[in-house]
């Protein structure tokens, strides 16, 4: 399995593409971590939908 490095700035950039009240990820700035806002499946379907529109 490949490993990827993602920064909090990357996550903020992704979140900025979606409504502020419906982020893809919840960011824990204190611990420098993030998690899915709802679930991985929800996030992937929302990203796929956005990509298909563009």
PDB file of N, CA and C in Angstrom:
ATOM      1  N   UNK A   1       0.846  -1.176   0.000  1.00  0.00           N
ATOM      2  CA  UNK A   1       0.000   0.000   0.000  1.00  0.00           C
ATOM      3  C   UNK A   1       0.893   1.240   0.000  1.00  0.00           C
ATOM      4  N   UNK A   2       0.521   2.220  -0.808  1.00  0.00           N
ATOM      5  CA  UNK A   2       1.285   3.449  -0.888  1.00  0.00           C
ATOM      6  C   UNK A   2       0.904   4.401   0.235  1.00  0.00           C
ATOM      7  N   UNK A   3       1.872   5.181   0.670  1.00  0.00           N
ATOM      8  CA  UNK A   3       1.616   6.190   1.690  1.00  0.00           C
ATOM      9  C   UNK A   3       1.607   7.561   1.045  1.00  0.00           C
ATOM     10  N   UNK A   4       0.722   8.404   1.509  1.00  0.00           N
ATOM     11  CA  UNK A   4       0.622   9.760   1.003  1.00  0.00           C
ATOM     12  C   UNK A   4       0.744  10.734   2.160  1.00  0.00           C
ATOM     13  N   UNK A   5       1.367  11.848   1.907  1.00  0.00           N
ATOM     14  CA  UNK A   5       1.463  12.893   2.905  1.00  0.00           C
ATOM     15  C   UNK A   5       0.499  14.005   2.524  1.00  0.00           C
ATOM     16  N   UNK A   6      -0.368  14.330   3.448  1.00  0.00           N
ATOM     17  CA  UNK A   6      -1.351  15.382   3.224  1.00  0.00           C
ATOM     18  C   UNK A   6      -1.198  16.379   4.360  1.00  0.00           C
ATOM     19  N   UNK A   7      -1.112  17.644   4.009  1.00  0.00           N
ATOM     20  CA  UNK A   7      -0.984  18.676   5.033  1.00  0.00           C
ATOM     21  C   UNK A   7      -2.365  19.229   5.385  1.00  0.00           C
ATOM     22  N   UNK A   8      -2.431  19.911   6.508  1.00  0.00           N
ATOM     23  CA  UNK A   8      -3.693  20.542   6.878  1.00  0.00           C
ATOM     24  C   UNK A   8      -4.079  21.601   5.852  1.00  0.00           C
ATOM     25  N   UNK A   9      -3.087  22.230   5.235  1.00  0.00           N
ATOM     26  CA  UNK A   9      -3.373  23.210   4.183  1.00  0.00           C
ATOM     27  C   UNK A   9      -4.038  22.535   2.987  1.00  0.00           C
ATOM     28  N   UNK A  10      -3.616  21.316   2.667  1.00  0.00           N
ATOM     29  CA  UNK A  10      -4.259  20.562   1.584  1.00  0.00           C
ATOM     30  C   UNK A  10      -5.724  20.296   1.921  1.00  0.00           C
ATOM     31  N   UNK A  11      -5.971  19.912   3.155  1.00  0.00           N
ATOM     32  CA  UNK A  11      -7.333  19.607   3.593  1.00  0.00           C
ATOM     33  C   UNK A  11      -8.178  20.880   3.578  1.00  0.00           C
ATOM     34  N   UNK A  12      -7.606  21.992   4.015  1.00  0.00           N
ATOM     35  CA  UNK A  12      -8.342  23.258   3.972  1.00  0.00           C
ATOM     36  C   UNK A  12      -8.701  23.617   2.528  1.00  0.00           C
ATOM     37  N   UNK A  13      -7.792  23.392   1.614  1.00  0.00           N
ATOM     38  CA  UNK A  13      -8.027  23.691   0.198  1.00  0.00           C
ATOM     39  C   UNK A  13      -9.186  22.844  -0.338  1.00  0.00           C
ATOM     40  N   UNK A  14      -9.197  21.569   0.001  1.00  0.00           N
ATOM     41  CA  UNK A  14     -10.281  20.686  -0.440  1.00  0.00           C
ATOM     42  C   UNK A  14     -11.604  21.135   0.183  1.00  0.00           C
ATOM     43  N   UNK A  15     -11.601  21.410   1.466  1.00  0.00           N
ATOM     44  CA  UNK A  15     -12.820  21.856   2.143  1.00  0.00           C
ATOM     45  C   UNK A  15     -13.365  23.148   1.537  1.00  0.00           C
ATOM     46  N   UNK A  16     -12.482  24.022   1.078  1.00  0.00           N
ATOM     47  CA  UNK A  16     -12.916  25.307   0.537  1.00  0.00           C
ATOM     48  C   UNK A  16     -13.724  25.164  -0.752  1.00  0.00           C
ATOM     49  N   UNK A  17     -13.672  24.014  -1.380  1.00  0.00           N
ATOM     50  CA  UNK A  17     -14.421  23.788  -2.611  1.00  0.00           C
ATOM     51  C   UNK A  17     -15.879  23.391  -2.338  1.00  0.00           C
ATOM     52  N   UNK A  18     -16.225  23.251  -1.079  1.00  0.00           N
ATOM     53  CA  UNK A  18     -17.567  22.827  -0.691  1.00  0.00           C
ATOM     54  C   UNK A  18     -18.158  23.857   0.263  1.00  0.00           C
ATOM     55  N   UNK A  19     -19.487  23.863   0.417  1.00  0.00           N
ATOM     56  CA  UNK A  19     -20.111  24.840   1.322  1.00  0.00           C
ATOM     57  C   UNK A  19     -19.496  24.766   2.720  1.00  0.00           C
ATOM     58  N   UNK A  20     -19.350  25.923   3.336  1.00  0.00           N
ATOM     59  CA  UNK A  20     -18.689  25.990   4.642  1.00  0.00           C
ATOM     60  C   UNK A  20     -19.409  25.174   5.709  1.00  0.00           C
ATOM     61  N   UNK A  21     -20.713  25.013   5.565  1.00  0.00           N
ATOM     62  CA  UNK A  21     -21.470  24.232   6.556  1.00  0.00           C
ATOM     63  C   UNK A  21     -21.544  22.750   6.205  1.00  0.00           C
ATOM     64  N   UNK A  22     -20.874  22.345   5.116  1.00  0.00           N
ATOM     65  CA  UNK A  22     -20.833  20.938   4.710  1.00  0.00           C
ATOM     66  C   UNK A  22     -19.413  20.519   4.318  1.00  0.00           C
ATOM     67  N   UNK A  23     -18.452  20.661   5.234  1.00  0.00           N
ATOM     68  CA  UNK A  23     -17.068  20.315   4.881  1.00  0.00           C
ATOM     69  C   UNK A  23     -16.899  18.810   4.675  1.00  0.00           C
ATOM     70  N   UNK A  24     -15.879  18.447   3.925  1.00  0.00           N
ATOM     71  CA  UNK A  24     -15.580  17.022   3.742  1.00  0.00           C
ATOM     72  C   UNK A  24     -14.837  16.464   4.939  1.00  0.00           C
ATOM     73  N   UNK A  25     -14.031  17.309   5.552  1.00  0.00           N
ATOM     74  CA  UNK A  25     -13.194  16.876   6.665  1.00  0.00           C
ATOM     75  C   UNK A  25     -13.353  17.810   7.848  1.00  0.00           C
ATOM     76  N   UNK A  26     -13.218  17.249   9.045  1.00  0.00           N
ATOM     77  CA  UNK A  26     -13.183  18.020  10.281  1.00  0.00           C
ATOM     78  C   UNK A  26     -11.712  18.107  10.676  1.00  0.00           C
ATOM     79  N   UNK A  27     -11.239  19.330  10.864  1.00  0.00           N
ATOM     80  CA  UNK A  27      -9.813  19.528  11.182  1.00  0.00           C
ATOM     81  C   UNK A  27      -9.643  19.785  12.671  1.00  0.00           C
ATOM     82  N   UNK A  28      -8.721  19.034  13.259  1.00  0.00           N
ATOM     83  CA  UNK A  28      -8.337  19.205  14.663  1.00  0.00           C
ATOM     84  C   UNK A  28      -6.981  19.907  14.640  1.00  0.00           C
ATOM     85  N   UNK A  29      -7.012  21.239  14.702  1.00  0.00           N
ATOM     86  CA  UNK A  29      -5.774  22.019  14.584  1.00  0.00           C
ATOM     87  C   UNK A  29      -4.827  21.784  15.757  1.00  0.00           C
ATOM     88  N   UNK A  30      -5.382  21.567  16.919  1.00  0.00           N
ATOM     89  CA  UNK A  30      -4.547  21.371  18.109  1.00  0.00           C
ATOM     90  C   UNK A  30      -3.643  20.142  17.960  1.00  0.00           C
ATOM     91  N   UNK A  31      -4.206  19.046  17.453  1.00  0.00           N
ATOM     92  CA  UNK A  31      -3.442  17.809  17.292  1.00  0.00           C
ATOM     93  C   UNK A  31      -2.943  17.585  15.870  1.00  0.00           C
ATOM     94  N   UNK A  32      -3.229  18.560  14.988  1.00  0.00           N
ATOM     95  CA  UNK A  32      -2.790  18.494  13.591  1.00  0.00           C
ATOM     96  C   UNK A  32      -3.250  17.211  12.903  1.00  0.00           C
ATOM     97  N   UNK A  33      -4.551  16.949  13.047  1.00  0.00           N
ATOM     98  CA  UNK A  33      -5.153  15.760  12.439  1.00  0.00           C
ATOM     99  C   UNK A  33      -6.469  16.158  11.784  1.00  0.00           C
ATOM    100  N   UNK A  34      -6.997  15.254  10.993  1.00  0.00           N
ATOM    101  CA  UNK A  34      -8.305  15.469  10.398  1.00  0.00           C
ATOM    102  C   UNK A  34      -9.015  14.140  10.290  1.00  0.00           C
ATOM    103  N   UNK A  35     -10.341  14.209  10.153  1.00  0.00           N
ATOM    104  CA  UNK A  35     -11.137  12.987   9.991  1.00  0.00           C
ATOM    105  C   UNK A  35     -12.273  13.294   9.024  1.00  0.00           C
ATOM    106  N   UNK A  36     -12.910  12.255   8.537  1.00  0.00           N
ATOM    107  CA  UNK A  36     -14.053  12.429   7.640  1.00  0.00           C
ATOM    108  C   UNK A  36     -15.143  13.174   8.383  1.00  0.00           C
ATOM    109  N   UNK A  37     -15.803  14.112   7.717  1.00  0.00           N
ATOM    110  CA  UNK A  37     -16.894  14.855   8.356  1.00  0.00           C
ATOM    111  C   UNK A  37     -18.074  13.932   8.635  1.00  0.00           C
ATOM    112  N   UNK A  38     -18.417  13.094   7.648  1.00  0.00           N
ATOM    113  CA  UNK A  38     -19.524  12.155   7.849  1.00  0.00           C
ATOM    114  C   UNK A  38     -18.995  10.729   7.732  1.00  0.00           C
ATOM    115  N   UNK A  39     -18.535  10.379   6.562  1.00  0.00           N
ATOM    116  CA  UNK A  39     -17.938   9.060   6.347  1.00  0.00           C
ATOM    117  C   UNK A  39     -17.107   9.102   5.076  1.00  0.00           C
ATOM    118  N   UNK A  40     -16.280   8.119   4.905  1.00  0.00           N
ATOM    119  CA  UNK A  40     -15.458   8.051   3.703  1.00  0.00           C
ATOM    120  C   UNK A  40     -16.338   7.937   2.461  1.00  0.00           C
ATOM    121  N   UNK A  41     -17.365   7.105   2.529  1.00  0.00           N
ATOM    122  CA  UNK A  41     -18.250   6.918   1.382  1.00  0.00           C
ATOM    123  C   UNK A  41     -18.953   8.219   1.004  1.00  0.00           C
ATOM    124  N   UNK A  42     -19.424   8.964   1.991  1.00  0.00           N
ATOM    125  CA  UNK A  42     -20.067  10.241   1.728  1.00  0.00           C
ATOM    126  C   UNK A  42     -19.087  11.196   1.054  1.00  0.00           C
ATOM    127  N   UNK A  43     -17.893  11.276   1.587  1.00  0.00           N
ATOM    128  CA  UNK A  43     -16.879  12.170   1.029  1.00  0.00           C
ATOM    129  C   UNK A  43     -16.557  11.801  -0.405  1.00  0.00           C
ATOM    130  N   UNK A  44     -16.343  10.530  -0.665  1.00  0.00           N
ATOM    131  CA  UNK A  44     -15.981  10.103  -2.015  1.00  0.00           C
ATOM    132  C   UNK A  44     -17.112  10.373  -3.003  1.00  0.00           C
ATOM    133  N   UNK A  45     -18.346  10.164  -2.594  1.00  0.00           N
ATOM    134  CA  UNK A  45     -19.464  10.415  -3.513  1.00  0.00           C
ATOM    135  C   UNK A  45     -19.608  11.911  -3.796  1.00  0.00           C
ATOM    136  N   UNK A  46     -19.382  12.755  -2.790  1.00  0.00           N
ATOM    137  CA  UNK A  46     -19.466  14.207  -2.998  1.00  0.00           C
ATOM    138  C   UNK A  46     -18.351  14.694  -3.906  1.00  0.00           C
ATOM    139  N   UNK A  47     -17.156  14.169  -3.737  1.00  0.00           N
ATOM    140  CA  UNK A  47     -16.031  14.555  -4.604  1.00  0.00           C
ATOM    141  C   UNK A  47     -16.297  14.099  -6.030  1.00  0.00           C
ATOM    142  N   UNK A  48     -16.749  12.882  -6.193  1.00  0.00           N
ATOM    143  CA  UNK A  48     -17.046  12.348  -7.525  1.00  0.00           C
ATOM    144  C   UNK A  48     -18.107  13.201  -8.212  1.00  0.00           C
ATOM    145  N   UNK A  49     -19.151  13.552  -7.487  1.00  0.00           N
ATOM    146  CA  UNK A  49     -20.216  14.381  -8.051  1.00  0.00           C
ATOM    147  C   UNK A  49     -19.683  15.738  -8.504  1.00  0.00           C
ATOM    148  N   UNK A  50     -18.833  16.348  -7.675  1.00  0.00           N
ATOM    149  CA  UNK A  50     -18.268  17.656  -8.022  1.00  0.00           C
ATOM    150  C   UNK A  50     -17.379  17.550  -9.258  1.00  0.00           C
ATOM    151  N   UNK A  51     -16.588  16.504  -9.348  1.00  0.00           N
ATOM    152  CA  UNK A  51     -15.701  16.315 -10.504  1.00  0.00           C
ATOM    153  C   UNK A  51     -16.510  16.099 -11.779  1.00  0.00           C
ATOM    154  N   UNK A  52     -17.596  15.370 -11.680  1.00  0.00           N
ATOM    155  CA  UNK A  52     -18.432  15.105 -12.858  1.00  0.00           C
ATOM    156  C   UNK A  52     -19.102  16.373 -13.356  1.00  0.00           C
ATOM    157  N   UNK A  53     -19.426  17.296 -12.449  1.00  0.00           N
ATOM    158  CA  UNK A  53     -20.055  18.566 -12.846  1.00  0.00           C
ATOM    159  C   UNK A  53     -19.078  19.464 -13.577  1.00  0.00           C
ATOM    160  N   UNK A  54     -17.815  19.368 -13.225  1.00  0.00           N
ATOM    161  CA  UNK A  54     -16.792  20.231 -13.831  1.00  0.00           C
ATOM    162  C   UNK A  54     -16.245  19.501 -15.003  1.00  0.00           C
TER     163      UNK A  54
END
